[in-house]
Amino acid sequence: MRNIFSITVLLGIAATTPFTIFAQTVENRLTDSTGTYSFAVPAGWKSNADAEGFAVVNPEKTVALAIKAHNYDNFAAFAADANLERDGLELVGKPLEITGGTAFRTMKKTPNGTIYIGTCVLFSPHGGGMIIVALSNEVNAATALETGWNLSQSVLFSKLRQNVVTGQSQSPLSGKHLLYLYTGNGYSERKDIYLCASGGFYQSTNLGGFTPNDSAGGSFGSLASKHGTWTISGDGAKLSLAFQNGRTAEYRITKRQASNEIGLNGNRFFVQSQDKCR
């Protein structure tokens, strides 16, 4: 497991969220904001949801689960982007096939002790899927692993909601190249976002040149962290990017005077035609 996927990002959903804010008792089933997956949680467990996904914790606050969507086609693609060594994780045993996906265990040594982590990577018949990460100390490792596995077996996948798909296909941004340029105070930045009409996207952010389809270099086509799927909200006011490695980004869309420009989170992007993807 190498390259760029970071399980630490997943852990951050649970580990960096103070458990004291988990004030609402979890209902029997939780569903993500796009309606693409739902899952059941044990009675009495509490949850918190944000743009990254869900965090769920047991009443004793000894086991935490981080849950979020991903856009991988299979476990081989997920593993190719994982970088356990960079994240300070040590693989325990070998990955195991489970219903709907693959599970594996890791451990991470910290100044406060060792964290034991069980990860389930599930795949939807509609594309992509979800990742469940259960973390605890050594004493509660078995409980965390069992809970994560049980939760994985309760997952139900659905197609992307029709209003989301319709908003995407009818958006004037479909099939366009969005270009952001900034230069000032000795600093320059360029961001290219290609919104494919098929629903995929490619993105590059750098200080230098941009070479599409250059598999030998840092091209957007060869980097899993730089592509995924995009959607437009039903009211057309928000662009959402779901990267293949599970990261998400959201942009508030505003109009600008020039017809070939839009505002994304207040920044000017040029809207251009493109032939890099369909």
Foldseek 3Di string as FASTA:
>chain_A
DDAAQDCVVQVCQAPVDPPVVQPDWDDQKDADPQRFKMWGADGQWTWDADPLGIWIAHPVRFKIKGKFWAFDQAVVVLVVHDHQVVNQKDWDDDWDDDVQHIKTKIWHQDPVGIKIKIKTAGADPQGTGMMMIMIGHPVCNVVSNVRSRVRVVGMDGDHGDPLFVVQLLPDPLEQKWWWAWDDDPNAIKIKIWGHHSVFKIFIDIDRDDEDAPPCVDDHRVNHQQGMGGWTADNVRQKIKGQGNSSDIDMWGWADDPDPQWIATNRGIIGIGHDDRHD
